[in-house]
Every structure is written in structure tokens, then in C-alpha cells.
PDB file of N, CA and C in Angstrom:
ATOM      1  N   MET A   1     114.343  45.425-287.267  1.00  0.00           N
ATOM      2  CA  MET A   1     115.766  44.629-287.143  1.00  0.00           C
ATOM      3  C   MET A   1     116.671  43.072-286.400  1.00  0.00           C
ATOM      4  N   ALA A   2     116.389  41.908-286.551  1.00  0.00           N
ATOM      5  CA  ALA A   2     116.916  41.196-285.505  1.00  0.00           C
ATOM      6  C   ALA A   2     117.829  41.246-285.234  1.00  0.00           C
ATOM      7  N   VAL A   3     118.365  41.274-283.857  1.00  0.00           N
ATOM      8  CA  VAL A   3     119.583  40.694-283.972  1.00  0.00           C
ATOM      9  C   VAL A   3     119.576  39.683-282.903  1.00  0.00           C
ATOM     10  N   LYS A   4     121.044  39.288-283.051  1.00  0.00           N
ATOM     11  CA  LYS A   4     121.253  37.792-282.407  1.00  0.00           C
ATOM     12  C   LYS A   4     122.480  38.438-280.751  1.00  0.00           C
ATOM     13  N   ILE A   5     121.131  37.739-279.601  1.00  0.00           N
ATOM     14  CA  ILE A   5     121.565  38.438-278.250  1.00  0.00           C
ATOM     15  C   ILE A   5     123.113  37.882-278.098  1.00  0.00           C
ATOM     16  N   GLU A   6     124.052  36.894-278.367  1.00  0.00           N
ATOM     17  CA  GLU A   6     124.948  36.320-278.167  1.00  0.00           C
ATOM     18  C   GLU A   6     125.929  37.594-278.754  1.00  0.00           C
ATOM     19  N   ASP A   7     125.522  38.115-280.216  1.00  0.00           N
ATOM     20  CA  ASP A   7     127.309  39.122-279.982  1.00  0.00           C
ATOM     21  C   ASP A   7     126.727  40.236-280.245  1.00  0.00           C
ATOM     22  N   VAL A   8     125.866  40.251-278.995  1.00  0.00           N
ATOM     23  CA  VAL A   8     125.392  41.655-279.026  1.00  0.00           C
ATOM     24  C   VAL A   8     126.213  41.714-277.367  1.00  0.00           C
ATOM     25  N   ILE A   9     126.256  41.247-276.388  1.00  0.00           N
ATOM     26  CA  ILE A   9     126.734  40.743-275.422  1.00  0.00           C
ATOM     27  C   ILE A   9     128.249  39.957-275.431  1.00  0.00           C
ATOM     28  N   ALA A  10     128.485  40.196-276.331  1.00  0.00           N
ATOM     29  CA  ALA A  10     130.349  38.972-276.362  1.00  0.00           C
ATOM     30  C   ALA A  10     131.300  39.943-275.765  1.00  0.00           C
ATOM     31  N   GLY A  11     132.179  39.063-275.195  1.00  0.00           N
ATOM     32  CA  GLY A  11     132.806  40.383-274.048  1.00  0.00           C
ATOM     33  C   GLY A  11     132.420  41.614-273.562  1.00  0.00           C
ATOM     34  N   LYS A  12     131.486  41.643-273.607  1.00  0.00           N
ATOM     35  CA  LYS A  12     130.937  42.305-272.487  1.00  0.00           C
ATOM     36  C   LYS A  12     131.227  41.861-270.958  1.00  0.00           C
ATOM     37  N   GLY A  13     130.828  42.646-269.919  1.00  0.00           N
ATOM     38  CA  GLY A  13     131.079  42.312-268.751  1.00  0.00           C
ATOM     39  C   GLY A  13     129.485  41.800-268.042  1.00  0.00           C
ATOM     40  N   GLU A  14     128.292  41.695-266.796  1.00  0.00           N
ATOM     41  CA  GLU A  14     128.072  41.538-266.172  1.00  0.00           C
ATOM     42  C   GLU A  14     126.749  43.041-265.640  1.00  0.00           C
ATOM     43  N   GLN A  15     128.092  43.751-265.503  1.00  0.00           N
ATOM     44  CA  GLN A  15     127.970  45.233-264.940  1.00  0.00           C
ATOM     45  C   GLN A  15     128.268  45.969-266.800  1.00  0.00           C
ATOM     46  N   ASP A  16     128.386  45.494-267.732  1.00  0.00           N
ATOM     47  CA  ASP A  16     128.170  46.444-268.697  1.00  0.00           C
ATOM     48  C   ASP A  16     126.489  46.433-269.265  1.00  0.00           C
ATOM     49  N   ARG A  17     126.746  47.724-269.960  1.00  0.00           N
ATOM     50  CA  ARG A  17     125.216  48.285-270.895  1.00  0.00           C
ATOM     51  C   ARG A  17     125.669  48.193-272.185  1.00  0.00           C
ATOM     52  N   VAL A  18     124.601  48.186-273.657  1.00  0.00           N
ATOM     53  CA  VAL A  18     124.257  47.748-274.741  1.00  0.00           C
ATOM     54  C   VAL A  18     123.451  48.665-275.261  1.00  0.00           C
ATOM     55  N   GLN A  19     123.885  49.593-276.195  1.00  0.00           N
ATOM     56  CA  GLN A  19     122.518  49.861-277.072  1.00  0.00           C
ATOM     57  C   GLN A  19     121.841  49.138-278.217  1.00  0.00           C
ATOM     58  N   VAL A  20     121.274  48.399-277.972  1.00  0.00           N
ATOM     59  CA  VAL A  20     120.354  47.565-278.974  1.00  0.00           C
ATOM     60  C   VAL A  20     119.773  48.923-279.746  1.00  0.00           C
ATOM     61  N   GLU A  21     119.214  49.309-281.013  1.00  0.00           N
ATOM     62  CA  GLU A  21     118.116  49.749-281.779  1.00  0.00           C
ATOM     63  C   GLU A  21     117.693  50.951-281.167  1.00  0.00           C
ATOM     64  N   GLY A  22     119.191  51.694-280.137  1.00  0.00           N
ATOM     65  CA  GLY A  22     119.222  52.815-279.855  1.00  0.00           C
ATOM     66  C   GLY A  22     119.030  53.211-278.200  1.00  0.00           C
ATOM     67  N   VAL A  23     118.343  51.611-277.685  1.00  0.00           N
ATOM     68  CA  VAL A  23     117.923  51.719-276.067  1.00  0.00           C
ATOM     69  C   VAL A  23     118.986  51.170-275.570  1.00  0.00           C
ATOM     70  N   GLY A  24     120.026  51.572-274.669  1.00  0.00           N
ATOM     71  CA  GLY A  24     120.391  51.108-274.060  1.00  0.00           C
ATOM     72  C   GLY A  24     119.954  49.810-272.996  1.00  0.00           C
ATOM     73  N   LEU A  25     120.617  48.342-272.125  1.00  0.00           N
ATOM     74  CA  LEU A  25     120.281  47.553-272.122  1.00  0.00           C
ATOM     75  C   LEU A  25     121.105  46.485-270.816  1.00  0.00           C
ATOM     76  N   SER A  26     120.648  46.451-270.011  1.00  0.00           N
ATOM     77  CA  SER A  26     121.567  45.625-268.740  1.00  0.00           C
ATOM     78  C   SER A  26     122.088  43.846-269.761  1.00  0.00           C
ATOM     79  N   VAL A  27     123.469  44.169-269.689  1.00  0.00           N
ATOM     80  CA  VAL A  27     123.905  42.938-270.117  1.00  0.00           C
ATOM     81  C   VAL A  27     123.318  41.860-269.423  1.00  0.00           C
ATOM     82  N   ALA A  28     123.802  41.855-267.766  1.00  0.00           N
ATOM     83  CA  ALA A  28     123.559  40.600-267.259  1.00  0.00           C
ATOM     84  C   ALA A  28     121.929  40.052-267.975  1.00  0.00           C
ATOM     85  N   LYS A  29     120.736  41.824-267.511  1.00  0.00           N
ATOM     86  CA  LYS A  29     119.964  40.670-267.902  1.00  0.00           C
ATOM     87  C   LYS A  29     119.640  40.086-269.290  1.00  0.00           C
ATOM     88  N   LEU A  30     120.153  41.023-270.791  1.00  0.00           N
ATOM     89  CA  LEU A  30     120.487  39.738-271.714  1.00  0.00           C
ATOM     90  C   LEU A  30     121.275  38.474-271.459  1.00  0.00           C
ATOM     91  N   LYS A  31     122.078  38.564-270.766  1.00  0.00           N
ATOM     92  CA  LYS A  31     122.584  36.889-270.603  1.00  0.00           C
ATOM     93  C   LYS A  31     121.383  36.229-270.527  1.00  0.00           C
ATOM     94  N   ALA A  32     121.000  35.983-269.065  1.00  0.00           N
ATOM     95  CA  ALA A  32     119.704  35.364-268.228  1.00  0.00           C
ATOM     96  C   ALA A  32     119.164  35.333-269.721  1.00  0.00           C
ATOM     97  N   LEU A  33     118.536  35.917-270.748  1.00  0.00           N
ATOM     98  CA  LEU A  33     117.991  35.719-271.249  1.00  0.00           C
ATOM     99  C   LEU A  33     118.412  34.404-271.978  1.00  0.00           C
ATOM    100  N   ALA A  34     118.953  34.937-272.397  1.00  0.00           N
ATOM    101  CA  ALA A  34     120.385  33.670-273.710  1.00  0.00           C
ATOM    102  C   ALA A  34     120.164  32.523-272.910  1.00  0.00           C
ATOM    103  N   GLU A  35     120.305  32.764-271.031  1.00  0.00           N
ATOM    104  CA  GLU A  35     121.036  31.068-270.591  1.00  0.00           C
ATOM    105  C   GLU A  35     119.153  30.644-270.559  1.00  0.00           C
ATOM    106  N   GLU A  36     117.654  31.223-270.806  1.00  0.00           N
ATOM    107  CA  GLU A  36     116.786  31.109-270.465  1.00  0.00           C
ATOM    108  C   GLU A  36     116.688  30.069-272.423  1.00  0.00           C
ATOM    109  N   GLY A  37     117.399  30.606-273.422  1.00  0.00           N
ATOM    110  CA  GLY A  37     117.145  29.809-274.612  1.00  0.00           C
ATOM    111  C   GLY A  37     116.546  31.104-275.640  1.00  0.00           C
ATOM    112  N   TYR A  38     116.419  32.210-275.045  1.00  0.00           N
ATOM    113  CA  TYR A  38     115.878  32.818-276.217  1.00  0.00           C
ATOM    114  C   TYR A  38     117.745  33.521-276.730  1.00  0.00           C
ATOM    115  N   GLU A  39     117.596  33.364-278.508  1.00  0.00           N
ATOM    116  CA  GLU A  39     118.126  33.543-279.048  1.00  0.00           C
ATOM    117  C   GLU A  39     118.324  34.887-279.849  1.00  0.00           C
ATOM    118  N   TYR A  40     117.183  35.841-279.806  1.00  0.00           N
ATOM    119  CA  TYR A  40     117.197  36.785-281.202  1.00  0.00           C
ATOM    120  C   TYR A  40     115.996  37.965-280.420  1.00  0.00           C
ATOM    121  N   ALA A  41     116.147  39.178-280.942  1.00  0.00           N
ATOM    122  CA  ALA A  41     115.501  39.968-279.859  1.00  0.00           C
ATOM    123  C   ALA A  41     115.394  41.255-281.090  1.00  0.00           C
ATOM    124  N   THR A  42     114.494  41.337-281.338  1.00  0.00           N
ATOM    125  CA  THR A  42     113.561  42.547-282.351  1.00  0.00           C
ATOM    126  C   THR A  42     113.087  43.686-281.496  1.00  0.00           C
ATOM    127  N   PHE A  43     113.443  45.493-281.622  1.00  0.00           N
ATOM    128  CA  PHE A  43     112.873  46.063-281.056  1.00  0.00           C
ATOM    129  C   PHE A  43     111.707  47.320-281.901  1.00  0.00           C
ATOM    130  N   PHE A  44     110.700  46.996-281.405  1.00  0.00           N
ATOM    131  CA  PHE A  44     109.317  47.725-281.844  1.00  0.00           C
ATOM    132  C   PHE A  44     108.955  49.078-281.000  1.00  0.00           C
ATOM    133  N   ALA A  45     109.918  50.218-281.830  1.00  0.00           N
ATOM    134  CA  ALA A  45     109.926  51.094-281.331  1.00  0.00           C
ATOM    135  C   ALA A  45     108.081  52.062-280.801  1.00  0.00           C
ATOM    136  N   ASP A  46     107.590  51.341-281.895  1.00  0.00           N
ATOM    137  CA  ASP A  46     105.785  52.582-281.277  1.00  0.00           C
ATOM    138  C   ASP A  46     105.362  51.894-280.344  1.00  0.00           C
ATOM    139  N   CYS A  47     106.064  51.061-280.083  1.00  0.00           N
ATOM    140  CA  CYS A  47     105.186  50.701-278.081  1.00  0.00           C
ATOM    141  C   CYS A  47     106.551  50.175-277.137  1.00  0.00           C
ATOM    142  N   SER A  48     108.100  50.794-277.438  1.00  0.00           N
ATOM    143  CA  SER A  48     108.952  50.394-276.940  1.00  0.00           C
ATOM    144  C   SER A  48     109.117  49.165-276.149  1.00  0.00           C
ATOM    145  N   GLN A  49     108.423  48.270-277.321  1.00  0.00           N
ATOM    146  CA  GLN A  49     108.832  46.590-276.918  1.00  0.00           C
ATOM    147  C   GLN A  49     109.690  45.760-277.576  1.00  0.00           C
ATOM    148  N   PHE A  50     110.447  45.062-276.356  1.00  0.00           N
ATOM    149  CA  PHE A  50     111.494  44.810-277.789  1.00  0.00           C
ATOM    150  C   PHE A  50     110.793  42.711-277.534  1.00  0.00           C
ATOM    151  N   ALA A  51     110.874  41.639-278.708  1.00  0.00           N
ATOM    152  CA  ALA A  51     110.274  40.794-278.850  1.00  0.00           C
ATOM    153  C   ALA A  51     111.468  39.762-278.722  1.00  0.00           C
ATOM    154  N   PHE A  52     111.377  38.804-277.858  1.00  0.00           N
ATOM    155  CA  PHE A  52     112.353  38.016-277.946  1.00  0.00           C
ATOM    156  C   PHE A  52     112.343  36.560-278.157  1.00  0.00           C
ATOM    157  N   TRP A  53     112.835  35.137-278.959  1.00  0.00           N
ATOM    158  CA  TRP A  53     112.806  34.359-279.241  1.00  0.00           C
ATOM    159  C   TRP A  53     113.696  33.466-279.477  1.00  0.00           C
ATOM    160  N   GLY A  54     113.252  32.151-279.292  1.00  0.00           N
ATOM    161  CA  GLY A  54     113.936  31.102-279.688  1.00  0.00           C
ATOM    162  C   GLY A  54     113.807  30.291-279.896  1.00  0.00           C
ATOM    163  N   LYS A  55     114.428  28.657-279.825  1.00  0.00           N
ATOM    164  CA  LYS A  55     113.582  27.615-280.602  1.00  0.00           C
ATOM    165  C   LYS A  55     112.804  26.785-280.220  1.00  0.00           C
ATOM    166  N   ALA A  56     112.467  27.326-278.574  1.00  0.00           N
ATOM    167  CA  ALA A  56     111.320  26.813-277.854  1.00  0.00           C
ATOM    168  C   ALA A  56     110.829  28.391-276.785  1.00  0.00           C
ATOM    169  N   CYS A  57     111.055  29.542-277.161  1.00  0.00           N
ATOM    170  CA  CYS A  57     110.742  30.530-276.096  1.00  0.00           C
ATOM    171  C   CYS A  57     110.061  31.172-277.452  1.00  0.00           C
ATOM    172  N   SER A  58     109.298  32.247-276.929  1.00  0.00           N
ATOM    173  CA  SER A  58     109.415  33.484-277.429  1.00  0.00           C
ATOM    174  C   SER A  58     108.530  34.449-275.565  1.00  0.00           C
ATOM    175  N   ALA A  59     108.788  35.657-275.491  1.00  0.00           N
ATOM    176  CA  ALA A  59     108.747  37.080-275.282  1.00  0.00           C
ATOM    177  C   ALA A  59     108.930  38.447-275.945  1.00  0.00           C
ATOM    178  N   CYS A  60     107.353  39.146-274.817  1.00  0.00           N
ATOM    179  CA  CYS A  60     107.934  40.204-275.387  1.00  0.00           C
ATOM    180  C   CYS A  60     107.875  41.435-273.857  1.00  0.00           C
ATOM    181  N   PHE A  61     109.141  42.484-273.652  1.00  0.00           N
ATOM    182  CA  PHE A  61     109.764  42.826-272.432  1.00  0.00           C
ATOM    183  C   PHE A  61     109.173  44.555-273.387  1.00  0.00           C
ATOM    184  N   THR A  62     108.952  45.282-271.983  1.00  0.00           N
ATOM    185  CA  THR A  62     109.467  46.496-272.065  1.00  0.00           C
ATOM    186  C   THR A  62     110.967  46.774-272.516  1.00  0.00           C
ATOM    187  N   ALA A  63     110.980  47.866-272.866  1.00  0.00           N
ATOM    188  CA  ALA A  63     112.045  48.579-273.489  1.00  0.00           C
ATOM    189  C   ALA A  63     112.749  48.749-270.974  1.00  0.00           C
ATOM    190  N   GLU A  64     112.019  49.384-270.460  1.00  0.00           N
ATOM    191  CA  GLU A  64     112.119  50.094-269.433  1.00  0.00           C
ATOM    192  C   GLU A  64     112.344  48.141-268.345  1.00  0.00           C
ATOM    193  N   HIS A  65     111.501  47.492-268.634  1.00  0.00           N
ATOM    194  CA  HIS A  65     112.377  46.370-267.595  1.00  0.00           C
ATOM    195  C   HIS A  65     113.227  46.020-267.732  1.00  0.00           C
ATOM    196  N   LEU A  66     113.987  45.939-269.395  1.00  0.00           N
ATOM    197  CA  LEU A  66     114.942  45.317-269.932  1.00  0.00           C
ATOM    198  C   LEU A  66     116.350  46.522-269.433  1.00  0.00           C
ATOM    199  N   GLN A  67     116.322  48.088-269.398  1.00  0.00           N
ATOM    200  CA  GLN A  67     117.154  48.110-268.977  1.00  0.00           C
ATOM    201  C   GLN A  67     117.449  48.157-267.184  1.00  0.00           C
ATOM    202  N   GLY A  68     116.527  48.119-266.371  1.00  0.00           N
ATOM    203  CA  GLY A  68     117.080  48.009-264.522  1.00  0.00           C
ATOM    204  C   GLY A  68     118.086  47.051-264.004  1.00  0.00           C
TER     205      GLY A  68
END
């Protein structure tokens, strides 16, 4: 299921962590991705990867990359 990054990080501080599909993620990393133009994320549990996309960008990251 796709989530909107801005909705997930709304009201959160840089040091906070949020749960997306049961995975704890760094708000600071999600904010940085949003600033780069990524708007949505989907988690693929079978390979522990997140797909991020926006109007002009897309990328995949492992859950471990986003947790640190």
C-alpha cells in the first residue's frame, strides 16, 4: 500500500522515528527524500525494500538504509 511521505512525517521532529508497514524509519531521512522530490513510498516485504517516487524521480532503498 502506498503512503504519502508528507502525511507520515507531519508533526514529527528530525530525531523521531515513524512506522511504515511495520518498519521503523528515520524521519530525517524521509524528510530529505521529500525535499529531493519523492512524494510516495511503498514497502515490499518479500525483499525488505521501499520504492519511492514523485513527479520526476523514483528509487528503491532497503529498509536498513532508511533505518540508520
